[in-house]
Amino acid sequence: MSWLYSLAAWLLVVSLLFGVVRIAIGPSEADRMVTAQLFGTTGVAILLLLAYSVQSRPIIDVALVLAVLAVIAIVAFVRRVRQPLRSELPTDE
């Protein structure tokens, strides 16, 4: 069963390589942020597969921390995008 975990982890690494290409050619910040979320989610999945493969509980804790950091990153991005730029604010003139 360990070989199955390894195969799944390698397939996830390949998907990360496609994500790197997407970051390089992404036309907008939103595309790049979605790819960054892909990195976080895929990183968590790879760590969980590794944890079950080598029977190590501390790796699960690392995966959970990475998942929380991914959520914080997306919240920060959404807050930044939703705030209007000062030049876009209406003026009284």
N, C-alpha and C. Protein backbone atom coordinates (compact mmCIF):
# COMPACT_ATOMS: atom_id res chain seq x y z
N MET A 1 0.81 -1.20 0.00
CA MET A 1 0.00 0.00 0.00
C MET A 1 0.86 1.26 0.00
N SER A 2 2.07 1.17 0.49
CA SER A 2 2.96 2.32 0.53
C SER A 2 3.30 2.82 -0.87
N TRP A 3 3.39 1.91 -1.83
CA TRP A 3 3.69 2.33 -3.20
C TRP A 3 2.54 3.16 -3.77
N LEU A 4 1.32 2.85 -3.34
CA LEU A 4 0.17 3.62 -3.80
C LEU A 4 0.21 5.05 -3.27
N TYR A 5 0.62 5.20 -2.01
CA TYR A 5 0.78 6.54 -1.45
C TYR A 5 1.87 7.30 -2.19
N SER A 6 2.95 6.63 -2.50
CA SER A 6 4.05 7.27 -3.23
C SER A 6 3.60 7.69 -4.63
N LEU A 7 2.87 6.84 -5.30
CA LEU A 7 2.37 7.17 -6.64
C LEU A 7 1.45 8.39 -6.58
N ALA A 8 0.56 8.41 -5.62
CA ALA A 8 -0.36 9.54 -5.48
C ALA A 8 0.42 10.83 -5.18
N ALA A 9 1.44 10.73 -4.33
CA ALA A 9 2.25 11.91 -4.00
C ALA A 9 2.98 12.42 -5.23
N TRP A 10 3.50 11.53 -6.04
CA TRP A 10 4.21 11.96 -7.26
C TRP A 10 3.24 12.60 -8.26
N LEU A 11 2.05 12.08 -8.35
CA LEU A 11 1.06 12.71 -9.24
C LEU A 11 0.71 14.12 -8.75
N LEU A 12 0.67 14.29 -7.45
CA LEU A 12 0.41 15.63 -6.90
C LEU A 12 1.58 16.57 -7.17
N VAL A 13 2.79 16.05 -7.12
CA VAL A 13 3.96 16.88 -7.44
C VAL A 13 3.91 17.32 -8.90
N VAL A 14 3.46 16.43 -9.78
CA VAL A 14 3.31 16.80 -11.19
C VAL A 14 2.28 17.92 -11.33
N SER A 15 1.19 17.85 -10.57
CA SER A 15 0.20 18.92 -10.64
C SER A 15 0.78 20.24 -10.14
N LEU A 16 1.70 20.18 -9.18
CA LEU A 16 2.38 21.40 -8.72
C LEU A 16 3.23 22.01 -9.83
N LEU A 17 3.84 21.15 -10.64
CA LEU A 17 4.64 21.66 -11.76
C LEU A 17 3.76 22.41 -12.76
N PHE A 18 2.56 21.89 -13.00
CA PHE A 18 1.62 22.62 -13.86
C PHE A 18 1.22 23.95 -13.21
N GLY A 19 1.13 23.96 -11.90
CA GLY A 19 0.83 25.21 -11.19
C GLY A 19 1.92 26.25 -11.35
N VAL A 20 3.17 25.81 -11.36
CA VAL A 20 4.28 26.74 -11.56
C VAL A 20 4.17 27.40 -12.93
N VAL A 21 3.80 26.62 -13.93
CA VAL A 21 3.60 27.17 -15.27
C VAL A 21 2.46 28.19 -15.24
N ARG A 22 1.40 27.88 -14.52
CA ARG A 22 0.25 28.80 -14.45
C ARG A 22 0.62 30.10 -13.76
N ILE A 23 1.45 30.03 -12.74
CA ILE A 23 1.88 31.26 -12.07
C ILE A 23 2.71 32.11 -13.03
N ALA A 24 3.53 31.46 -13.83
CA ALA A 24 4.39 32.20 -14.76
C ALA A 24 3.59 32.92 -15.84
N ILE A 25 2.50 32.31 -16.32
CA ILE A 25 1.75 32.91 -17.42
C ILE A 25 0.39 33.46 -16.99
N GLY A 26 0.08 33.37 -15.71
CA GLY A 26 -1.23 33.81 -15.24
C GLY A 26 -1.50 35.26 -15.59
N PRO A 27 -2.64 35.52 -16.26
CA PRO A 27 -2.89 36.90 -16.68
C PRO A 27 -3.32 37.83 -15.55
N SER A 28 -3.78 37.29 -14.45
CA SER A 28 -4.26 38.19 -13.39
C SER A 28 -3.78 37.71 -12.03
N GLU A 29 -3.94 38.61 -11.06
CA GLU A 29 -3.56 38.26 -9.69
C GLU A 29 -4.44 37.14 -9.15
N ALA A 30 -5.69 37.11 -9.54
CA ALA A 30 -6.61 36.08 -9.06
C ALA A 30 -6.15 34.70 -9.55
N ASP A 31 -5.70 34.61 -10.79
CA ASP A 31 -5.18 33.34 -11.29
C ASP A 31 -3.99 32.88 -10.48
N ARG A 32 -3.13 33.82 -10.17
CA ARG A 32 -1.95 33.46 -9.39
C ARG A 32 -2.33 33.05 -7.96
N MET A 33 -3.34 33.69 -7.39
CA MET A 33 -3.75 33.34 -6.04
C MET A 33 -4.40 31.98 -6.00
N VAL A 34 -5.19 31.65 -7.00
CA VAL A 34 -5.80 30.33 -7.07
C VAL A 34 -4.72 29.26 -7.18
N THR A 35 -3.67 29.56 -7.94
CA THR A 35 -2.57 28.61 -8.04
C THR A 35 -1.82 28.49 -6.72
N ALA A 36 -1.69 29.59 -6.00
CA ALA A 36 -1.07 29.52 -4.68
C ALA A 36 -1.91 28.66 -3.74
N GLN A 37 -3.23 28.76 -3.86
CA GLN A 37 -4.10 27.89 -3.06
C GLN A 37 -3.92 26.43 -3.47
N LEU A 38 -3.72 26.20 -4.76
CA LEU A 38 -3.41 24.84 -5.23
C LEU A 38 -2.16 24.33 -4.55
N PHE A 39 -1.13 25.19 -4.43
CA PHE A 39 0.09 24.78 -3.76
C PHE A 39 -0.18 24.39 -2.31
N GLY A 40 -0.98 25.20 -1.63
CA GLY A 40 -1.29 24.90 -0.23
C GLY A 40 -2.06 23.61 -0.08
N THR A 41 -3.09 23.43 -0.89
CA THR A 41 -3.91 22.23 -0.80
C THR A 41 -3.12 20.99 -1.19
N THR A 42 -2.35 21.10 -2.27
CA THR A 42 -1.56 19.96 -2.71
C THR A 42 -0.46 19.65 -1.71
N GLY A 43 0.13 20.69 -1.14
CA GLY A 43 1.15 20.46 -0.11
C GLY A 43 0.59 19.72 1.08
N VAL A 44 -0.62 20.09 1.49
CA VAL A 44 -1.27 19.37 2.60
C VAL A 44 -1.51 17.92 2.23
N ALA A 45 -2.00 17.69 1.01
CA ALA A 45 -2.26 16.31 0.57
C ALA A 45 -0.97 15.49 0.52
N ILE A 46 0.11 16.07 0.01
CA ILE A 46 1.38 15.35 -0.05
C ILE A 46 1.88 15.04 1.36
N LEU A 47 1.77 16.00 2.26
CA LEU A 47 2.21 15.74 3.63
C LEU A 47 1.37 14.66 4.31
N LEU A 48 0.07 14.66 4.06
CA LEU A 48 -0.78 13.62 4.66
C LEU A 48 -0.44 12.24 4.09
N LEU A 49 -0.20 12.17 2.79
CA LEU A 49 0.21 10.90 2.19
C LEU A 49 1.54 10.43 2.77
N LEU A 50 2.47 11.37 2.94
CA LEU A 50 3.76 11.03 3.54
C LEU A 50 3.59 10.56 4.98
N ALA A 51 2.73 11.23 5.72
CA ALA A 51 2.50 10.85 7.12
C ALA A 51 1.95 9.44 7.24
N TYR A 52 0.99 9.10 6.39
CA TYR A 52 0.43 7.76 6.44
C TYR A 52 1.40 6.72 5.90
N SER A 53 2.24 7.13 4.97
CA SER A 53 3.21 6.20 4.40
C SER A 53 4.27 5.80 5.41
N VAL A 54 4.77 6.77 6.19
CA VAL A 54 5.83 6.48 7.16
C VAL A 54 5.31 6.37 8.59
N GLN A 55 3.99 6.44 8.76
CA GLN A 55 3.36 6.32 10.08
C GLN A 55 3.92 7.34 11.08
N SER A 56 3.88 8.62 10.69
CA SER A 56 4.42 9.69 11.54
C SER A 56 3.33 10.72 11.82
N ARG A 57 2.92 10.81 13.07
CA ARG A 57 1.88 11.75 13.45
C ARG A 57 2.32 13.22 13.41
N PRO A 58 3.59 13.55 13.72
CA PRO A 58 3.97 14.98 13.65
C PRO A 58 3.83 15.58 12.26
N ILE A 59 3.95 14.78 11.22
CA ILE A 59 3.78 15.31 9.87
C ILE A 59 2.33 15.74 9.65
N ILE A 60 1.41 15.07 10.29
CA ILE A 60 0.00 15.48 10.19
C ILE A 60 -0.19 16.87 10.80
N ASP A 61 0.51 17.14 11.91
CA ASP A 61 0.44 18.46 12.53
C ASP A 61 0.98 19.54 11.60
N VAL A 62 2.07 19.23 10.91
CA VAL A 62 2.64 20.17 9.95
C VAL A 62 1.64 20.44 8.82
N ALA A 63 0.96 19.39 8.36
CA ALA A 63 -0.05 19.54 7.31
C ALA A 63 -1.19 20.44 7.77
N LEU A 64 -1.60 20.28 9.02
CA LEU A 64 -2.68 21.13 9.54
C LEU A 64 -2.25 22.59 9.63
N VAL A 65 -1.02 22.84 10.03
CA VAL A 65 -0.51 24.22 10.08
C VAL A 65 -0.48 24.81 8.67
N LEU A 66 -0.04 24.03 7.69
CA LEU A 66 -0.02 24.51 6.31
C LEU A 66 -1.43 24.82 5.82
N ALA A 67 -2.40 24.02 6.21
CA ALA A 67 -3.79 24.28 5.82
C ALA A 67 -4.29 25.59 6.42
N VAL A 68 -3.96 25.85 7.67
CA VAL A 68 -4.38 27.10 8.31
C VAL A 68 -3.71 28.30 7.64
N LEU A 69 -2.44 28.16 7.30
CA LEU A 69 -1.74 29.25 6.62
C LEU A 69 -2.34 29.53 5.24
N ALA A 70 -2.79 28.49 4.55
CA ALA A 70 -3.42 28.68 3.25
C ALA A 70 -4.72 29.46 3.39
N VAL A 71 -5.48 29.18 4.43
CA VAL A 71 -6.73 29.91 4.67
C VAL A 71 -6.44 31.38 4.98
N ILE A 72 -5.43 31.62 5.80
CA ILE A 72 -5.07 33.00 6.13
C ILE A 72 -4.63 33.75 4.89
N ALA A 73 -3.90 33.09 4.01
CA ALA A 73 -3.44 33.73 2.78
C ALA A 73 -4.60 34.13 1.89
N ILE A 74 -5.60 33.28 1.75
CA ILE A 74 -6.72 33.61 0.88
C ILE A 74 -7.58 34.71 1.49
N VAL A 75 -7.71 34.72 2.79
CA VAL A 75 -8.47 35.79 3.44
C VAL A 75 -7.75 37.13 3.24
N ALA A 76 -6.45 37.14 3.39
CA ALA A 76 -5.69 38.38 3.17
C ALA A 76 -5.81 38.84 1.73
N PHE A 77 -5.78 37.92 0.79
CA PHE A 77 -5.92 38.29 -0.63
C PHE A 77 -7.29 38.89 -0.91
N VAL A 78 -8.33 38.27 -0.41
CA VAL A 78 -9.68 38.77 -0.65
C VAL A 78 -9.86 40.14 -0.01
N ARG A 79 -9.34 40.33 1.18
CA ARG A 79 -9.45 41.65 1.81
C ARG A 79 -8.73 42.71 1.01
N ARG A 80 -7.58 42.35 0.45
CA ARG A 80 -6.81 43.31 -0.36
C ARG A 80 -7.53 43.64 -1.65
N VAL A 81 -8.11 42.66 -2.28
CA VAL A 81 -8.78 42.87 -3.56
C VAL A 81 -10.07 43.66 -3.37
N ARG A 82 -10.78 43.43 -2.30
CA ARG A 82 -12.07 44.10 -2.09
C ARG A 82 -11.94 45.55 -1.68
N GLN A 83 -10.78 45.96 -1.16
CA GLN A 83 -10.61 47.35 -0.77
C GLN A 83 -10.36 48.19 -2.01
N PRO A 84 -11.15 49.24 -2.21
CA PRO A 84 -10.91 50.09 -3.39
C PRO A 84 -9.61 50.86 -3.23
N LEU A 85 -8.97 51.09 -4.34
CA LEU A 85 -7.76 51.91 -4.32
C LEU A 85 -8.12 53.35 -4.02
N ARG A 86 -7.20 54.09 -3.46
CA ARG A 86 -7.49 55.49 -3.11
C ARG A 86 -7.85 56.30 -4.36
N SER A 87 -7.27 55.97 -5.50
CA SER A 87 -7.58 56.71 -6.71
C SER A 87 -8.98 56.41 -7.22
N GLU A 88 -9.58 55.31 -6.78
CA GLU A 88 -10.93 54.95 -7.22
C GLU A 88 -12.01 55.49 -6.29
N LEU A 89 -11.63 56.03 -5.14
CA LEU A 89 -12.61 56.55 -4.21
C LEU A 89 -13.24 57.81 -4.77
N PRO A 90 -14.54 57.99 -4.57
CA PRO A 90 -15.19 59.22 -5.06
C PRO A 90 -14.67 60.43 -4.29
N THR A 91 -14.56 61.52 -4.98
CA THR A 91 -14.11 62.76 -4.33
C THR A 91 -15.27 63.75 -4.29
N ASP A 92 -15.14 64.74 -3.43
CA ASP A 92 -16.19 65.75 -3.27
C ASP A 92 -16.10 66.86 -4.31
N GLU A 93 -15.06 66.84 -5.11
CA GLU A 93 -14.86 67.92 -6.07
C GLU A 93 -15.73 67.80 -7.28
